[in-house]
């Protein structure tokens, strides 16, 4: 039983990092992303490939994965600068599908069979194969990500992102370099999602394309909406609820999707700003000008 709860805690920590990364794009910059699991998968596959085939030590594999996802975020952010709302959603969705198809068809990624035998992290000679140690590693990463993002959103740059979210034209008139901020937030969010993917891959020790498809992107989006867009505390709450709730409802597997959907529909009707959101400010970017 203790091992089961440790497993849930580790997965919840990984989802917290993934949710925070998506919240930076949606809740703070006001952009739409429906393919965020692609960055999650790129980080996982990059770390798995360099660890299994080239035997990179974990710190180097982690660095390679984070840098690779950051570059992918930059590559996606540059051509989508002029896109908004529906068009940006379609492009990010298409990006997620492309990454999924690439992972599914390339021989080096193992195709539908995925990659097995991903080693547990070893840092400074200390192995993190055991669940308690791995939980400690995940908690350390969560605290680091929280510290980084909190300092960001409370700084001038965070206020600039919120200004872009609330009214991009006004932000431009005020002298905010909106293209640079959009690219930067996509790059940072991709890197953090890559970090979550690395932690997932080395914990499960097996990955395949099914773990990083549209379902995972929608799950991450639901975590952001449930907890509250534009709220770091909301990212934690949303990730905790939606990573643990399916396990609690396992006995009611036949009705799980029904209960899950009803919870989200009810929340969007009676509290659209989410559990920890403030007012409807976080939903302004969804409105057409």
Protein backbone atom coordinates (compact mmCIF):
# COMPACT_ATOMS: atom_id res chain seq x y z
CA UNK A 1 0.00 0.00 0.00
CA UNK A 2 2.86 2.39 0.81
CA UNK A 3 4.42 1.71 -2.59
CA UNK A 4 1.10 2.52 -4.25
CA UNK A 5 0.81 5.90 -2.53
CA UNK A 6 4.44 6.69 -3.34
CA UNK A 7 3.68 5.90 -6.97
CA UNK A 8 0.72 8.29 -6.96
CA UNK A 9 2.79 11.00 -5.28
CA UNK A 10 5.56 10.71 -7.89
CA UNK A 11 3.11 10.89 -10.80
CA UNK A 12 1.33 13.84 -9.17
CA UNK A 13 4.64 15.70 -8.85
CA UNK A 14 5.43 15.09 -12.52
CA UNK A 15 1.98 16.33 -13.53
CA UNK A 16 2.43 19.45 -11.38
CA UNK A 17 5.50 20.41 -13.43
CA UNK A 18 3.64 19.69 -16.68
CA UNK A 19 0.61 21.72 -15.57
CA UNK A 20 2.71 24.69 -14.45
CA UNK A 21 4.45 24.72 -17.84
CA UNK A 22 1.12 24.78 -19.69
CA UNK A 23 -0.29 27.41 -17.33
CA UNK A 24 2.55 29.76 -18.32
CA UNK A 25 1.29 29.65 -21.90
CA UNK A 26 -2.45 29.69 -21.24
CA UNK A 27 -2.93 31.39 -17.89
CA UNK A 28 -0.18 34.01 -17.99
CA UNK A 29 0.52 34.69 -21.69
CA UNK A 30 -3.05 34.12 -22.87
CA UNK A 31 -2.04 31.78 -25.70
CA UNK A 32 -3.81 28.54 -26.62
CA UNK A 33 -1.98 25.23 -26.77
CA UNK A 34 -3.64 21.88 -27.48
CA UNK A 35 -0.48 19.91 -28.18
CA UNK A 36 1.56 20.48 -25.03
CA UNK A 37 2.07 16.75 -24.51
CA UNK A 38 4.34 16.85 -27.56
CA UNK A 39 7.01 18.70 -25.55
CA UNK A 40 6.43 16.25 -22.69
CA UNK A 41 7.10 13.41 -25.13
CA UNK A 42 10.10 15.07 -26.79
CA UNK A 43 11.76 15.43 -23.39
CA UNK A 44 11.01 11.82 -22.48
CA UNK A 45 12.20 10.39 -25.80
CA UNK A 46 15.34 12.52 -25.94
CA UNK A 47 16.44 11.48 -22.48
CA UNK A 48 15.52 7.84 -23.10
CA UNK A 49 17.39 7.69 -26.41
CA UNK A 50 20.64 9.23 -25.16
CA UNK A 51 20.49 7.12 -21.98
CA UNK A 52 19.72 3.77 -23.61
CA UNK A 53 21.69 4.01 -26.85
CA UNK A 54 24.54 6.39 -25.98
CA UNK A 55 24.69 5.76 -22.23
CA UNK A 56 24.64 9.41 -21.21
CA UNK A 57 24.72 9.95 -17.44
CA UNK A 58 21.44 11.26 -16.08
CA UNK A 59 22.49 14.93 -15.57
CA UNK A 60 23.73 15.09 -19.17
CA UNK A 61 20.63 13.31 -20.50
CA UNK A 62 18.43 15.73 -18.54
CA UNK A 63 20.30 18.72 -19.95
CA UNK A 64 20.06 17.37 -23.51
CA UNK A 65 16.32 16.76 -23.16
CA UNK A 66 15.55 20.19 -21.68
CA UNK A 67 17.62 21.97 -24.34
CA UNK A 68 16.00 19.94 -27.12
CA UNK A 69 12.48 20.74 -25.98
CA UNK A 70 13.42 24.40 -25.53
CA UNK A 71 14.64 24.50 -29.14
CA UNK A 72 11.41 22.82 -30.27
CA UNK A 73 9.40 25.39 -28.32
CA UNK A 74 11.38 28.17 -29.98
CA UNK A 75 10.85 26.57 -33.41
CA UNK A 76 7.09 26.41 -32.80
CA UNK A 77 6.89 29.89 -31.27
CA UNK A 78 8.57 31.72 -34.16
CA UNK A 79 6.11 30.85 -36.96
CA UNK A 80 3.03 31.20 -34.73
CA UNK A 81 3.63 34.79 -33.58
CA UNK A 82 0.79 36.21 -35.65
CA UNK A 83 -1.69 33.46 -34.79
CA UNK A 84 -4.37 33.77 -32.12
CA UNK A 85 -7.18 31.77 -30.56
CA UNK A 86 -8.58 29.14 -32.96
CA UNK A 87 -5.69 29.27 -35.43
CA UNK A 88 -3.04 28.90 -32.73
CA UNK A 89 -5.01 26.03 -31.19
CA UNK A 90 -5.10 24.22 -34.54
CA UNK A 91 -1.38 24.72 -35.15
CA UNK A 92 -0.39 23.43 -31.70
CA UNK A 93 -2.78 20.51 -32.11
CA UNK A 94 -1.18 19.71 -35.45
CA UNK A 95 2.29 19.93 -33.90
CA UNK A 96 1.22 17.38 -31.29
CA UNK A 97 -0.07 15.03 -33.98
CA UNK A 98 3.17 15.37 -35.97
CA UNK A 99 5.34 14.52 -32.97
CA UNK A 100 3.08 11.57 -32.15
CA UNK A 101 3.31 10.24 -35.72
CA UNK A 102 7.09 10.67 -35.81
CA UNK A 103 7.49 8.71 -32.57
CA UNK A 104 5.11 6.07 -33.89
CA UNK A 105 6.93 5.49 -37.17
CA UNK A 106 10.63 6.02 -36.53
CA UNK A 107 12.71 2.92 -35.96
CA UNK A 108 15.00 4.59 -33.42
CA UNK A 109 12.02 5.41 -31.16
CA UNK A 110 10.85 1.81 -31.22
CA UNK A 111 7.67 2.66 -33.11
CA UNK A 112 4.49 1.56 -31.31
CA UNK A 113 6.55 -0.70 -29.03
CA UNK A 114 8.42 2.26 -27.56
CA UNK A 115 11.68 2.18 -25.63
CA UNK A 116 12.33 -0.19 -22.73
CA UNK A 117 15.07 -0.44 -20.17
CA UNK A 118 15.42 3.27 -19.43
CA UNK A 119 17.83 3.42 -16.48
CA UNK A 120 17.01 4.97 -13.13
CA UNK A 121 18.77 8.29 -12.44
CA UNK A 122 22.20 8.21 -10.85
CA UNK A 123 23.48 11.56 -9.54
CA UNK A 124 26.89 11.87 -7.89
CA UNK A 125 26.99 8.11 -7.43
CA UNK A 126 23.57 8.04 -5.71
CA UNK A 127 20.96 5.84 -7.35
CA UNK A 128 17.32 6.95 -7.37
CA UNK A 129 15.90 3.56 -8.22
CA UNK A 130 13.87 3.29 -4.99
CA UNK A 131 10.53 5.09 -4.82
CA UNK A 132 11.30 7.20 -1.71
CA UNK A 133 14.48 8.56 -3.29
CA UNK A 134 12.76 9.18 -6.60
CA UNK A 135 9.97 11.03 -4.81
CA UNK A 136 12.63 13.20 -3.19
CA UNK A 137 14.09 13.96 -6.63
CA UNK A 138 10.65 14.84 -8.01
CA UNK A 139 9.85 17.07 -5.03
CA UNK A 140 13.16 18.88 -5.49
CA UNK A 141 12.34 19.48 -9.17
CA UNK A 142 8.81 20.66 -8.30
CA UNK A 143 10.13 23.14 -5.74
CA UNK A 144 12.75 24.40 -8.20
CA UNK A 145 10.13 24.90 -10.92
CA UNK A 146 7.77 26.60 -8.47
CA UNK A 147 10.53 28.93 -7.31
CA UNK A 148 11.51 29.80 -10.87
CA UNK A 149 7.96 30.42 -12.10
CA UNK A 150 6.94 32.34 -8.96
CA UNK A 151 9.85 34.74 -9.36
CA UNK A 152 8.96 35.10 -13.03
CA UNK A 153 5.25 35.84 -12.62
CA UNK A 154 5.88 38.27 -9.74
CA UNK A 155 8.48 40.22 -11.71
CA UNK A 156 8.13 42.87 -14.39
CA UNK A 157 8.20 40.09 -16.98
CA UNK A 158 5.21 38.40 -15.32
CA UNK A 159 3.27 41.66 -15.40
CA UNK A 160 4.18 42.06 -19.06
CA UNK A 161 2.85 38.57 -19.81
CA UNK A 162 -0.43 39.34 -18.04
CA UNK A 163 -0.71 42.58 -19.99
CA UNK A 164 -0.31 40.62 -23.23
CA UNK A 165 -2.94 38.15 -22.03
CA UNK A 166 -5.47 40.84 -21.14
CA UNK A 167 -5.00 43.07 -24.20
CA UNK A 168 -2.12 42.54 -26.58
CA UNK A 169 -2.59 45.77 -28.56
CA UNK A 170 -2.52 47.87 -25.40
CA UNK A 171 0.61 46.04 -24.25
CA UNK A 172 2.31 46.87 -27.54
CA UNK A 173 1.34 50.54 -27.22
CA UNK A 174 2.87 50.56 -23.73
CA UNK A 175 6.19 49.47 -25.23
CA UNK A 176 6.11 45.76 -24.35
CA UNK A 177 7.89 43.60 -26.92
CA UNK A 178 5.03 41.12 -27.33
CA UNK A 179 6.70 38.88 -29.98
CA UNK A 180 9.76 38.39 -27.78
CA UNK A 181 7.64 37.54 -24.74
CA UNK A 182 5.51 35.07 -26.69
CA UNK A 183 8.58 33.26 -28.00
CA UNK A 184 10.25 33.29 -24.59
CA UNK A 185 7.23 31.84 -22.78
CA UNK A 186 6.81 29.09 -25.39
CA UNK A 187 10.47 28.21 -25.05
CA UNK A 188 10.40 28.16 -21.24
CA UNK A 189 7.14 26.19 -21.10
CA UNK A 190 8.52 23.62 -23.55
CA UNK A 191 11.70 23.21 -21.47
CA UNK A 192 9.69 22.64 -18.28
CA UNK A 193 7.43 20.13 -20.04
CA UNK A 194 10.59 18.38 -21.23
CA UNK A 195 11.77 18.18 -17.62
CA UNK A 196 8.49 16.50 -16.67
CA UNK A 197 8.96 14.05 -19.55
CA UNK A 198 12.46 13.16 -18.37
CA UNK A 199 11.22 12.43 -14.85
CA UNK A 200 8.39 10.29 -16.25
CA UNK A 201 10.60 8.28 -18.59
CA UNK A 202 13.25 7.44 -15.99
CA UNK A 203 10.62 6.56 -13.39
CA UNK A 204 8.45 4.27 -15.53
CA UNK A 205 11.55 2.95 -17.42
CA UNK A 206 9.34 2.40 -20.50
CA UNK A 207 7.73 4.88 -22.90
CA UNK A 208 5.65 4.63 -26.06
CA UNK A 209 3.69 7.15 -28.15
CA UNK A 210 0.40 6.44 -26.31
CA UNK A 211 1.72 8.22 -23.22
CA UNK A 212 2.16 11.54 -25.06
CA UNK A 213 -0.83 11.79 -27.37
CA UNK A 214 -3.84 14.08 -27.50
CA UNK A 215 -5.32 12.48 -24.38
CA UNK A 216 -2.36 13.69 -22.31
CA UNK A 217 -2.59 17.19 -23.81
CA UNK A 218 -6.29 17.40 -22.93
CA UNK A 219 -5.59 16.04 -19.45
CA UNK A 220 -2.97 18.75 -18.84
CA UNK A 221 -5.40 21.39 -20.16
CA UNK A 222 -8.11 20.10 -17.80
CA UNK A 223 -5.67 20.34 -14.87
CA UNK A 224 -5.00 23.98 -15.71
CA UNK A 225 -8.70 24.82 -16.09
CA UNK A 226 -9.71 22.92 -12.96
CA UNK A 227 -7.08 24.51 -10.74
CA UNK A 228 -7.39 27.98 -12.22
CA UNK A 229 -5.71 29.68 -15.16
CA UNK A 230 -3.10 32.20 -14.10
CA UNK A 231 -2.60 30.59 -10.69
CA UNK A 232 0.45 28.58 -9.64
CA UNK A 233 -1.44 27.23 -6.63
CA UNK A 234 -4.21 26.25 -9.02
CA UNK A 235 -1.74 24.27 -11.12
CA UNK A 236 -0.81 22.26 -8.03
CA UNK A 237 -4.43 21.70 -6.99
CA UNK A 238 -5.59 20.76 -10.48
CA UNK A 239 -2.70 18.34 -11.02
CA UNK A 240 -3.21 16.69 -7.62
CA UNK A 241 -6.96 16.22 -8.12
CA UNK A 242 -6.83 14.87 -11.66
CA UNK A 243 -3.84 12.61 -11.05
CA UNK A 244 -5.40 11.02 -7.97
CA UNK A 245 -9.11 11.08 -8.89
CA UNK A 246 -8.90 8.40 -11.62
CA UNK A 247 -7.26 6.05 -9.13
CA UNK A 248 -9.97 6.69 -6.54
CA UNK A 249 -12.64 6.01 -9.17
CA UNK A 250 -11.01 2.81 -10.40
CA UNK A 251 -13.79 0.71 -8.83
CA UNK A 252 -16.28 2.67 -10.93
CA UNK A 253 -14.34 2.26 -14.15
CA UNK A 254 -17.48 2.05 -16.30
CA UNK A 255 -18.62 5.47 -15.04
CA UNK A 256 -15.21 7.09 -14.72
CA UNK A 257 -15.40 9.19 -17.88
CA UNK A 258 -18.97 10.23 -17.02
CA UNK A 259 -18.02 11.43 -13.53
CA UNK A 260 -14.84 13.05 -14.83
CA UNK A 261 -16.71 14.95 -17.52
CA UNK A 262 -19.52 15.97 -15.17
CA UNK A 263 -16.98 17.46 -12.74
CA UNK A 264 -15.41 19.61 -15.45
CA UNK A 265 -18.75 20.69 -16.96
CA UNK A 266 -20.07 21.66 -13.53
CA UNK A 267 -16.91 23.59 -12.75
CA UNK A 268 -16.99 25.51 -16.03
CA UNK A 269 -20.65 26.43 -15.45
CA UNK A 270 -20.49 27.50 -11.81
CA UNK A 271 -16.84 28.47 -11.40
CA UNK A 272 -15.23 28.96 -14.83
CA UNK A 273 -12.16 30.62 -13.32
CA UNK A 274 -11.23 27.34 -11.62
CA UNK A 275 -10.79 26.39 -7.99
CA UNK A 276 -7.97 28.83 -7.26
CA UNK A 277 -8.65 31.38 -10.00
CA UNK A 278 -9.66 34.98 -9.35
CA UNK A 279 -12.75 36.29 -11.06
CA UNK A 280 -12.97 35.79 -14.81
CA UNK A 281 -9.74 37.60 -15.64
CA UNK A 282 -8.05 34.40 -16.75
CA UNK A 283 -10.73 33.80 -19.38
CA UNK A 284 -10.48 37.16 -21.12
CA UNK A 285 -8.08 35.88 -23.73
CA UNK A 286 -10.78 33.51 -24.98
CA UNK A 287 -13.02 36.40 -25.97
CA UNK A 288 -12.97 37.67 -29.52
CA UNK A 289 -12.08 41.30 -30.01
